[in-house]
Amino acid sequence: IFLSRLSVATYTQGGVVLLGIFSTPITVSVYSVAEQLFKAMQSVFSPIVQAIYPYMAKEKNFSLFYKVAGGSLLLAIFGVTFGYFFAPFIIPVVFGEYWLVSIPALNIFFIGLIVNVMAVMSGYPLAVAIGRINIANKSVSYGAFVYFCLAFVLIFLDIATPVKFAMIVVMSELFVFIYRSVTIWPIVYRMESATIRRPLI
């Protein structure tokens, strides 16, 4: 669990550090604004995950989980749509006109929010219900590895920009979601199928 939390921290917060070492202060500042807004959007869904996790550990109510996950995804899509259209008007008011340059990176993070919600909902709440927390832990460790490989390529080719670093965060989140989809969801499907076929006594 410690390694998984460390892995999450590296690919969600490592961008500022790496850009700070290999890029300019302006680039770091532009990326940092977009990243902080991305984290703020993610924090909206943290209470949902924290509430559903212990419930799934005890009840294993997949039917309710699907409703919560679907509602969270719809909320993310609504928030992303709102942010995409209104960020150009909100950012100058909150941060100032200069920070409009962070919008291209922010737009990438908007996509990342949807991917993140799908990955999170496919992670620990489901993993604990099927008794396979190790899968969720491994997935974020692999995601961190993907992130650093892609970051190394950007730095090696000297093409590190806020937009590209935002893209590799999204790609890492997407990898985590895909990994969980092919490892956790089939087990969930088999558990549900076994429950449906179980004869009544």
C-alpha atoms as a PDB file:
ATOM      1  CA  ILE A   1       0.000   0.000   0.000  1.00  0.00           C
ATOM      2  CA  PHE A   2       2.854   2.365   0.847  1.00  0.00           C
ATOM      3  CA  LEU A   3       4.509   1.754  -2.523  1.00  0.00           C
ATOM      4  CA  SER A   4       1.213   2.258  -4.352  1.00  0.00           C
ATOM      5  CA  ARG A   5       0.606   5.597  -2.609  1.00  0.00           C
ATOM      6  CA  LEU A   6       4.177   6.626  -3.390  1.00  0.00           C
ATOM      7  CA  SER A   7       3.642   5.665  -7.032  1.00  0.00           C
ATOM      8  CA  VAL A   8       0.492   7.769  -7.254  1.00  0.00           C
ATOM      9  CA  ALA A   9       2.337  10.740  -5.767  1.00  0.00           C
ATOM     10  CA  THR A  10       5.147  10.423  -8.302  1.00  0.00           C
ATOM     11  CA  TYR A  11       3.027  10.594 -11.424  1.00  0.00           C
ATOM     12  CA  THR A  12       0.521  13.098 -10.072  1.00  0.00           C
ATOM     13  CA  GLN A  13       3.101  15.469  -8.582  1.00  0.00           C
ATOM     14  CA  GLY A  14       6.323  14.587 -10.365  1.00  0.00           C
ATOM     15  CA  GLY A  15       5.649  16.864 -13.314  1.00  0.00           C
ATOM     16  CA  VAL A  16       6.462  20.056 -11.422  1.00  0.00           C
ATOM     17  CA  VAL A  17       9.699  18.565 -10.090  1.00  0.00           C
ATOM     18  CA  LEU A  18      10.875  17.261 -13.457  1.00  0.00           C
ATOM     19  CA  LEU A  19       9.945  20.442 -15.308  1.00  0.00           C
ATOM     20  CA  GLY A  20      11.662  22.427 -12.571  1.00  0.00           C
ATOM     21  CA  ILE A  21      14.892  20.522 -13.215  1.00  0.00           C
ATOM     22  CA  PHE A  22      14.816  20.327 -16.987  1.00  0.00           C
ATOM     23  CA  SER A  23      12.725  23.319 -18.067  1.00  0.00           C
ATOM     24  CA  THR A  24      12.179  27.007 -17.356  1.00  0.00           C
ATOM     25  CA  PRO A  25      10.405  28.597 -14.358  1.00  0.00           C
ATOM     26  CA  ILE A  26       7.702  29.939 -16.679  1.00  0.00           C
ATOM     27  CA  THR A  27       6.986  26.446 -17.997  1.00  0.00           C
ATOM     28  CA  VAL A  28       6.804  25.133 -14.432  1.00  0.00           C
ATOM     29  CA  SER A  29       4.394  27.886 -13.414  1.00  0.00           C
ATOM     30  CA  VAL A  30       2.075  27.301 -16.360  1.00  0.00           C
ATOM     31  CA  TYR A  31       2.001  23.564 -15.721  1.00  0.00           C
ATOM     32  CA  SER A  32       1.574  24.017 -11.975  1.00  0.00           C
ATOM     33  CA  VAL A  33      -1.584  26.111 -12.362  1.00  0.00           C
ATOM     34  CA  ALA A  34      -3.196  23.533 -14.646  1.00  0.00           C
ATOM     35  CA  GLU A  35      -2.104  20.666 -12.381  1.00  0.00           C
ATOM     36  CA  GLN A  36      -3.467  22.318  -9.236  1.00  0.00           C
ATOM     37  CA  LEU A  37      -6.833  22.810 -10.902  1.00  0.00           C
ATOM     38  CA  PHE A  38      -6.752  19.142 -11.950  1.00  0.00           C
ATOM     39  CA  LYS A  39      -6.102  18.100  -8.347  1.00  0.00           C
ATOM     40  CA  ALA A  40      -8.943  20.324  -7.169  1.00  0.00           C
ATOM     41  CA  MET A  41     -11.282  18.576  -9.604  1.00  0.00           C
ATOM     42  CA  GLN A  42     -10.089  15.163  -8.406  1.00  0.00           C
ATOM     43  CA  SER A  43     -10.728  16.107  -4.788  1.00  0.00           C
ATOM     44  CA  VAL A  44     -14.443  16.404  -5.561  1.00  0.00           C
ATOM     45  CA  PHE A  45     -14.593  12.636  -6.037  1.00  0.00           C
ATOM     46  CA  SER A  46     -12.413  11.647  -3.074  1.00  0.00           C
ATOM     47  CA  PRO A  47     -15.309  11.641  -0.542  1.00  0.00           C
ATOM     48  CA  ILE A  48     -17.308   9.381  -2.868  1.00  0.00           C
ATOM     49  CA  VAL A  49     -14.500   6.838  -3.093  1.00  0.00           C
ATOM     50  CA  GLN A  50     -13.795   7.039   0.641  1.00  0.00           C
ATOM     51  CA  ALA A  51     -17.457   6.353   1.378  1.00  0.00           C
ATOM     52  CA  ILE A  52     -17.970   3.510  -1.100  1.00  0.00           C
ATOM     53  CA  TYR A  53     -14.743   1.671  -0.240  1.00  0.00           C
ATOM     54  CA  PRO A  54     -15.676   0.364   3.240  1.00  0.00           C
ATOM     55  CA  TYR A  55     -19.209  -0.314   2.046  1.00  0.00           C
ATOM     56  CA  MET A  56     -17.981  -2.509  -0.797  1.00  0.00           C
ATOM     57  CA  ALA A  57     -15.551  -4.265   1.538  1.00  0.00           C
ATOM     58  CA  LYS A  58     -18.460  -5.320   3.725  1.00  0.00           C
ATOM     59  CA  GLU A  59     -21.518  -5.577   1.479  1.00  0.00           C
ATOM     60  CA  LYS A  60     -20.095  -6.296  -1.992  1.00  0.00           C
ATOM     61  CA  ASN A  61     -23.180  -4.628  -3.454  1.00  0.00           C
ATOM     62  CA  PHE A  62     -22.155  -4.330  -7.098  1.00  0.00           C
ATOM     63  CA  SER A  63     -25.570  -3.074  -8.158  1.00  0.00           C
ATOM     64  CA  LEU A  64     -25.273   0.016  -5.951  1.00  0.00           C
ATOM     65  CA  PHE A  65     -21.642   0.434  -6.934  1.00  0.00           C
ATOM     66  CA  TYR A  66     -22.582   0.663 -10.627  1.00  0.00           C
ATOM     67  CA  LYS A  67     -25.017   3.462  -9.828  1.00  0.00           C
ATOM     68  CA  VAL A  68     -22.427   5.369  -7.808  1.00  0.00           C
ATOM     69  CA  ALA A  69     -19.746   4.881 -10.480  1.00  0.00           C
ATOM     70  CA  GLY A  70     -22.119   5.890 -13.261  1.00  0.00           C
ATOM     71  CA  GLY A  71     -23.235   8.981 -11.353  1.00  0.00           C
ATOM     72  CA  SER A  72     -19.620   9.944 -10.684  1.00  0.00           C
ATOM     73  CA  LEU A  73     -18.748   9.576 -14.359  1.00  0.00           C
ATOM     74  CA  LEU A  74     -21.709  11.734 -15.397  1.00  0.00           C
ATOM     75  CA  LEU A  75     -20.694  14.353 -12.839  1.00  0.00           C
ATOM     76  CA  ALA A  76     -17.142  14.319 -14.213  1.00  0.00           C
ATOM     77  CA  ILE A  77     -18.377  14.726 -17.781  1.00  0.00           C
ATOM     78  CA  PHE A  78     -20.616  17.619 -16.745  1.00  0.00           C
ATOM     79  CA  GLY A  79     -17.782  19.287 -14.822  1.00  0.00           C
ATOM     80  CA  VAL A  80     -15.349  18.843 -17.696  1.00  0.00           C
ATOM     81  CA  THR A  81     -17.819  20.281 -20.192  1.00  0.00           C
ATOM     82  CA  PHE A  82     -18.478  23.255 -17.938  1.00  0.00           C
ATOM     83  CA  GLY A  83     -14.768  23.791 -17.341  1.00  0.00           C
ATOM     84  CA  TYR A  84     -13.872  23.571 -21.019  1.00  0.00           C
ATOM     85  CA  PHE A  85     -16.274  26.331 -21.993  1.00  0.00           C
ATOM     86  CA  PHE A  86     -15.971  28.599 -18.955  1.00  0.00           C
ATOM     87  CA  ALA A  87     -12.308  28.257 -17.931  1.00  0.00           C
ATOM     88  CA  PRO A  88     -11.261  31.062 -20.341  1.00  0.00           C
ATOM     89  CA  PHE A  89     -13.569  33.401 -18.414  1.00  0.00           C
ATOM     90  CA  ILE A  90     -12.894  32.120 -14.885  1.00  0.00           C
ATOM     91  CA  ILE A  91      -9.089  31.871 -14.949  1.00  0.00           C
ATOM     92  CA  PRO A  92      -8.474  35.595 -15.661  1.00  0.00           C
ATOM     93  CA  VAL A  93     -10.725  36.510 -12.747  1.00  0.00           C
ATOM     94  CA  VAL A  94      -9.136  34.080 -10.276  1.00  0.00           C
ATOM     95  CA  PHE A  95      -5.490  34.048 -11.399  1.00  0.00           C
ATOM     96  CA  GLY A  96      -5.129  36.950 -13.834  1.00  0.00           C
ATOM     97  CA  GLU A  97      -4.989  37.359 -17.612  1.00  0.00           C
ATOM     98  CA  TYR A  98      -1.465  35.978 -17.919  1.00  0.00           C
ATOM     99  CA  TRP A  99      -2.492  32.512 -16.767  1.00  0.00           C
ATOM    100  CA  LEU A 100      -4.696  31.995 -19.797  1.00  0.00           C
ATOM    101  CA  VAL A 101      -1.595  30.318 -21.237  1.00  0.00           C
ATOM    102  CA  SER A 102      -2.301  27.362 -18.918  1.00  0.00           C
ATOM    103  CA  ILE A 103      -5.598  26.547 -20.664  1.00  0.00           C
ATOM    104  CA  PRO A 104      -4.136  24.156 -23.300  1.00  0.00           C
ATOM    105  CA  ALA A 105      -2.640  22.011 -20.517  1.00  0.00           C
ATOM    106  CA  LEU A 106      -5.815  22.359 -18.481  1.00  0.00           C
ATOM    107  CA  ASN A 107      -7.888  21.071 -21.407  1.00  0.00           C
ATOM    108  CA  ILE A 108      -5.739  17.924 -21.423  1.00  0.00           C
ATOM    109  CA  PHE A 109      -6.327  17.535 -17.704  1.00  0.00           C
ATOM    110  CA  PHE A 110     -10.060  17.827 -18.318  1.00  0.00           C
ATOM    111  CA  ILE A 111      -9.799  14.630 -20.354  1.00  0.00           C
ATOM    112  CA  GLY A 112      -7.638  13.209 -17.590  1.00  0.00           C
ATOM    113  CA  LEU A 113     -10.381  13.799 -15.026  1.00  0.00           C
ATOM    114  CA  ILE A 114     -12.778  11.498 -16.878  1.00  0.00           C
ATOM    115  CA  VAL A 115     -10.079   8.850 -17.225  1.00  0.00           C
ATOM    116  CA  ASN A 116      -9.132   9.262 -13.555  1.00  0.00           C
ATOM    117  CA  VAL A 117     -12.713   8.762 -12.364  1.00  0.00           C
ATOM    118  CA  MET A 118     -13.016   5.582 -14.430  1.00  0.00           C
ATOM    119  CA  ALA A 119      -9.671   4.329 -13.119  1.00  0.00           C
ATOM    120  CA  VAL A 120     -10.490   5.133  -9.493  1.00  0.00           C
ATOM    121  CA  MET A 121     -13.906   3.510  -9.668  1.00  0.00           C
ATOM    122  CA  SER A 122     -12.336   0.444 -11.270  1.00  0.00           C
ATOM    123  CA  GLY A 123      -9.740   0.294  -8.519  1.00  0.00           C
ATOM    124  CA  TYR A 124      -9.883  -0.077  -4.766  1.00  0.00           C
ATOM    125  CA  PRO A 125     -13.683  -0.223  -4.237  1.00  0.00           C
ATOM    126  CA  LEU A 126     -13.915  -3.175  -6.642  1.00  0.00           C
ATOM    127  CA  ALA A 127     -10.592  -4.713  -5.630  1.00  0.00           C
ATOM    128  CA  VAL A 128     -11.559  -4.896  -1.964  1.00  0.00           C
ATOM    129  CA  ALA A 129     -14.918  -6.442  -2.858  1.00  0.00           C
ATOM    130  CA  ILE A 130     -13.219  -9.311  -4.699  1.00  0.00           C
ATOM    131  CA  GLY A 131     -10.344  -9.602  -2.235  1.00  0.00           C
ATOM    132  CA  ARG A 132      -7.671  -8.544  -4.720  1.00  0.00           C
ATOM    133  CA  ILE A 133      -6.235  -5.297  -3.342  1.00  0.00           C
ATOM    134  CA  ASN A 134      -2.865  -6.365  -4.716  1.00  0.00           C
ATOM    135  CA  ILE A 135      -4.136  -5.771  -8.267  1.00  0.00           C
ATOM    136  CA  ALA A 136      -5.072  -2.160  -7.493  1.00  0.00           C
ATOM    137  CA  ASN A 137      -1.708  -1.610  -5.801  1.00  0.00           C
ATOM    138  CA  LYS A 138       0.229  -3.040  -8.725  1.00  0.00           C
ATOM    139  CA  SER A 139      -1.720  -0.995 -11.267  1.00  0.00           C
ATOM    140  CA  VAL A 140      -0.598   2.362  -9.881  1.00  0.00           C
ATOM    141  CA  SER A 141       2.994   1.144  -9.582  1.00  0.00           C
ATOM    142  CA  TYR A 142       2.903   0.189 -13.255  1.00  0.00           C
ATOM    143  CA  GLY A 143       1.270   3.544 -14.021  1.00  0.00           C
ATOM    144  CA  ALA A 144       4.167   5.350 -12.341  1.00  0.00           C
ATOM    145  CA  PHE A 145       6.612   3.301 -14.403  1.00  0.00           C
ATOM    146  CA  VAL A 146       4.798   4.273 -17.617  1.00  0.00           C
ATOM    147  CA  TYR A 147       4.835   7.912 -16.531  1.00  0.00           C
ATOM    148  CA  PHE A 148       8.574   8.022 -15.916  1.00  0.00           C
ATOM    149  CA  CYS A 149       9.341   6.223 -19.177  1.00  0.00           C
ATOM    150  CA  LEU A 150       7.301   8.790 -21.116  1.00  0.00           C
ATOM    151  CA  ALA A 151       8.769  11.677 -19.108  1.00  0.00           C
ATOM    152  CA  PHE A 152      12.279  10.420 -19.879  1.00  0.00           C
ATOM    153  CA  VAL A 153      11.452  10.427 -23.604  1.00  0.00           C
ATOM    154  CA  LEU A 154      10.170  14.018 -23.435  1.00  0.00           C
ATOM    155  CA  ILE A 155      13.227  15.197 -21.534  1.00  0.00           C
ATOM    156  CA  PHE A 156      15.664  13.237 -23.706  1.00  0.00           C
ATOM    157  CA  LEU A 157      14.143  14.697 -26.884  1.00  0.00           C
ATOM    158  CA  ASP A 158      14.013  18.170 -25.285  1.00  0.00           C
ATOM    159  CA  ILE A 159      10.293  18.548 -25.994  1.00  0.00           C
ATOM    160  CA  ALA A 160       9.071  18.861 -22.393  1.00  0.00           C
ATOM    161  CA  THR A 161       6.130  21.290 -22.336  1.00  0.00           C
ATOM    162  CA  PRO A 162       3.156  21.732 -19.978  1.00  0.00           C
ATOM    163  CA  VAL A 163       0.800  20.216 -22.548  1.00  0.00           C
ATOM    164  CA  LYS A 164       3.003  17.171 -23.173  1.00  0.00           C
ATOM    165  CA  PHE A 165       3.500  16.564 -19.460  1.00  0.00           C
ATOM    166  CA  ALA A 166      -0.251  16.803 -18.953  1.00  0.00           C
ATOM    167  CA  MET A 167      -0.647  14.262 -21.749  1.00  0.00           C
ATOM    168  CA  ILE A 168       1.654  11.725 -20.113  1.00  0.00           C
ATOM    169  CA  VAL A 169      -0.291  12.049 -16.848  1.00  0.00           C
ATOM    170  CA  VAL A 170      -3.466  11.211 -18.775  1.00  0.00           C
ATOM    171  CA  MET A 171      -1.733   8.350 -20.579  1.00  0.00           C
ATOM    172  CA  SER A 172      -0.533   6.937 -17.259  1.00  0.00           C
ATOM    173  CA  GLU A 173      -4.043   7.173 -15.815  1.00  0.00           C
ATOM    174  CA  LEU A 174      -5.375   5.491 -18.946  1.00  0.00           C
ATOM    175  CA  PHE A 175      -2.881   2.656 -18.535  1.00  0.00           C
ATOM    176  CA  VAL A 176      -4.022   2.169 -14.933  1.00  0.00           C
ATOM    177  CA  PHE A 177      -7.657   2.060 -16.051  1.00  0.00           C
ATOM    178  CA  ILE A 178      -6.958  -0.442 -18.834  1.00  0.00           C
ATOM    179  CA  TYR A 179      -4.907  -2.651 -16.527  1.00  0.00           C
ATOM    180  CA  ARG A 180      -7.666  -2.681 -13.930  1.00  0.00           C
ATOM    181  CA  SER A 181     -10.286  -3.291 -16.608  1.00  0.00           C
ATOM    182  CA  VAL A 182      -8.599  -6.469 -17.850  1.00  0.00           C
ATOM    183  CA  THR A 183      -7.692  -7.794 -14.393  1.00  0.00           C
ATOM    184  CA  ILE A 184     -10.426  -6.729 -11.957  1.00  0.00           C
ATOM    185  CA  TRP A 185     -13.574  -6.510 -14.071  1.00  0.00           C
ATOM    186  CA  PRO A 186     -13.419 -10.131 -15.350  1.00  0.00           C
ATOM    187  CA  ILE A 187     -13.278 -11.354 -11.733  1.00  0.00           C
ATOM    188  CA  VAL A 188     -16.250  -9.169 -10.848  1.00  0.00           C
ATOM    189  CA  TYR A 189     -18.155 -10.580 -13.812  1.00  0.00           C
ATOM    190  CA  ARG A 190     -17.406 -14.162 -12.743  1.00  0.00           C
ATOM    191  CA  MET A 191     -18.483 -13.443  -9.159  1.00  0.00           C
ATOM    192  CA  GLU A 192     -21.761 -11.931 -10.306  1.00  0.00           C
ATOM    193  CA  SER A 193     -22.392 -14.756 -12.756  1.00  0.00           C
ATOM    194  CA  ALA A 194     -21.785 -17.339 -10.033  1.00  0.00           C
ATOM    195  CA  THR A 195     -24.220 -15.517  -7.740  1.00  0.00           C
ATOM    196  CA  ILE A 196     -26.925 -15.448 -10.418  1.00  0.00           C
ATOM    197  CA  ARG A 197     -26.513 -19.171 -11.203  1.00  0.00           C
ATOM    198  CA  ARG A 198     -26.473 -20.201  -7.551  1.00  0.00           C
ATOM    199  CA  PRO A 199     -29.565 -22.377  -6.898  1.00  0.00           C
ATOM    200  CA  LEU A 200     -32.079 -21.259  -4.312  1.00  0.00           C
ATOM    201  CA  ILE A 201     -32.464 -23.498  -1.252  1.00  0.00           C
END
